[in-house]
N, C-alpha and C. Protein backbone atom coordinates (compact mmCIF):
# COMPACT_ATOMS: atom_id res chain seq x y z
N MET A 1 6.18 -3.48 -19.61
CA MET A 1 4.95 -4.22 -19.50
C MET A 1 4.41 -4.06 -18.08
N PRO A 2 3.20 -3.48 -17.93
CA PRO A 2 2.61 -3.33 -16.61
C PRO A 2 2.28 -4.67 -15.97
N LEU A 3 2.50 -4.76 -14.67
CA LEU A 3 2.23 -5.98 -13.92
C LEU A 3 1.05 -5.76 -12.97
N ARG A 4 0.40 -6.85 -12.57
CA ARG A 4 -0.61 -6.82 -11.51
C ARG A 4 0.10 -7.26 -10.24
N ILE A 5 0.15 -6.38 -9.24
CA ILE A 5 0.94 -6.63 -8.04
C ILE A 5 0.06 -6.52 -6.80
N ALA A 6 0.21 -7.46 -5.89
CA ALA A 6 -0.48 -7.43 -4.60
C ALA A 6 0.52 -7.01 -3.53
N VAL A 7 0.13 -6.03 -2.74
CA VAL A 7 0.93 -5.59 -1.60
C VAL A 7 0.18 -6.01 -0.35
N VAL A 8 0.82 -6.81 0.48
CA VAL A 8 0.20 -7.29 1.72
C VAL A 8 0.69 -6.42 2.86
N GLY A 9 -0.21 -5.65 3.41
CA GLY A 9 0.12 -4.74 4.50
C GLY A 9 0.20 -3.31 4.01
N ALA A 10 -0.56 -2.44 4.65
CA ALA A 10 -0.58 -1.03 4.26
C ALA A 10 0.05 -0.16 5.34
N GLY A 11 1.11 -0.70 5.95
CA GLY A 11 1.89 0.12 6.87
C GLY A 11 2.63 1.17 6.07
N PHE A 12 3.51 1.88 6.70
CA PHE A 12 4.24 2.95 6.01
C PHE A 12 4.93 2.43 4.76
N SER A 13 5.69 1.35 4.88
CA SER A 13 6.44 0.82 3.73
C SER A 13 5.52 0.29 2.65
N GLY A 14 4.48 -0.44 3.04
CA GLY A 14 3.54 -0.99 2.07
C GLY A 14 2.83 0.10 1.29
N ALA A 15 2.42 1.17 1.98
CA ALA A 15 1.74 2.28 1.33
C ALA A 15 2.67 2.99 0.34
N VAL A 16 3.92 3.19 0.74
CA VAL A 16 4.88 3.87 -0.13
C VAL A 16 5.18 3.02 -1.37
N VAL A 17 5.43 1.74 -1.18
CA VAL A 17 5.76 0.90 -2.33
C VAL A 17 4.56 0.76 -3.26
N ALA A 18 3.34 0.72 -2.71
CA ALA A 18 2.14 0.65 -3.55
C ALA A 18 2.01 1.90 -4.41
N ARG A 19 2.26 3.04 -3.82
CA ARG A 19 2.19 4.30 -4.58
C ARG A 19 3.26 4.35 -5.66
N GLU A 20 4.47 3.97 -5.32
CA GLU A 20 5.56 4.00 -6.31
C GLU A 20 5.27 3.07 -7.48
N LEU A 21 4.76 1.87 -7.19
CA LEU A 21 4.44 0.92 -8.25
C LEU A 21 3.30 1.43 -9.12
N ALA A 22 2.29 2.03 -8.51
CA ALA A 22 1.17 2.58 -9.28
C ALA A 22 1.63 3.73 -10.17
N GLU A 23 2.50 4.59 -9.64
CA GLU A 23 3.02 5.69 -10.44
C GLU A 23 3.89 5.20 -11.59
N ALA A 24 4.48 4.00 -11.43
CA ALA A 24 5.29 3.41 -12.49
C ALA A 24 4.43 2.72 -13.55
N GLY A 25 3.10 2.73 -13.34
CA GLY A 25 2.20 2.18 -14.34
C GLY A 25 1.67 0.79 -14.08
N HIS A 26 1.98 0.24 -12.92
CA HIS A 26 1.51 -1.10 -12.59
C HIS A 26 0.13 -1.04 -11.93
N THR A 27 -0.60 -2.14 -12.00
CA THR A 27 -1.88 -2.27 -11.30
C THR A 27 -1.58 -2.84 -9.92
N VAL A 28 -1.95 -2.11 -8.88
CA VAL A 28 -1.60 -2.50 -7.52
C VAL A 28 -2.87 -2.70 -6.69
N GLU A 29 -2.91 -3.78 -5.95
CA GLU A 29 -4.00 -4.04 -5.01
C GLU A 29 -3.37 -4.21 -3.63
N VAL A 30 -3.87 -3.46 -2.66
CA VAL A 30 -3.31 -3.47 -1.30
C VAL A 30 -4.27 -4.21 -0.38
N PHE A 31 -3.72 -5.12 0.42
CA PHE A 31 -4.51 -5.88 1.39
C PHE A 31 -4.04 -5.50 2.79
N GLU A 32 -4.99 -5.08 3.62
CA GLU A 32 -4.69 -4.64 4.99
C GLU A 32 -5.76 -5.18 5.92
N SER A 33 -5.35 -5.71 7.07
CA SER A 33 -6.32 -6.27 8.01
C SER A 33 -6.97 -5.20 8.89
N ARG A 34 -6.33 -4.06 9.03
CA ARG A 34 -6.90 -2.99 9.86
C ARG A 34 -7.81 -2.09 9.01
N ASP A 35 -8.51 -1.18 9.66
CA ASP A 35 -9.42 -0.29 8.95
C ASP A 35 -8.76 1.03 8.54
N HIS A 36 -7.43 1.10 8.63
CA HIS A 36 -6.71 2.30 8.22
C HIS A 36 -5.33 1.91 7.68
N VAL A 37 -4.73 2.85 6.96
CA VAL A 37 -3.37 2.62 6.47
C VAL A 37 -2.38 3.30 7.41
N ALA A 38 -1.11 3.09 7.20
CA ALA A 38 0.01 3.68 7.93
C ALA A 38 0.43 2.90 9.16
N GLY A 39 -0.16 1.75 9.41
CA GLY A 39 0.27 0.90 10.51
C GLY A 39 0.33 1.62 11.83
N ASN A 40 1.46 1.52 12.52
CA ASN A 40 1.61 2.16 13.84
C ASN A 40 1.88 3.65 13.75
N CYS A 41 2.03 4.18 12.54
CA CYS A 41 2.21 5.63 12.36
C CYS A 41 0.88 6.37 12.43
N HIS A 42 -0.22 5.63 12.42
CA HIS A 42 -1.56 6.21 12.45
C HIS A 42 -1.80 6.89 13.79
N THR A 43 -2.37 8.09 13.76
CA THR A 43 -2.67 8.83 14.98
C THR A 43 -4.17 8.87 15.21
N VAL A 44 -4.59 8.55 16.42
CA VAL A 44 -6.00 8.61 16.79
C VAL A 44 -6.22 9.87 17.61
N ARG A 45 -7.20 10.65 17.20
CA ARG A 45 -7.49 11.89 17.95
C ARG A 45 -8.88 11.84 18.49
């Protein structure tokens, strides 16, 4: 049975778990306070 899941934070772990849950057939909504994903892994050029 597919679930509706909220992921708070789109850092590296949040992004990975959101993708895994979506691929498993669940409806996922990601909430992030910044304007980009990947948290501190994000590179600015």
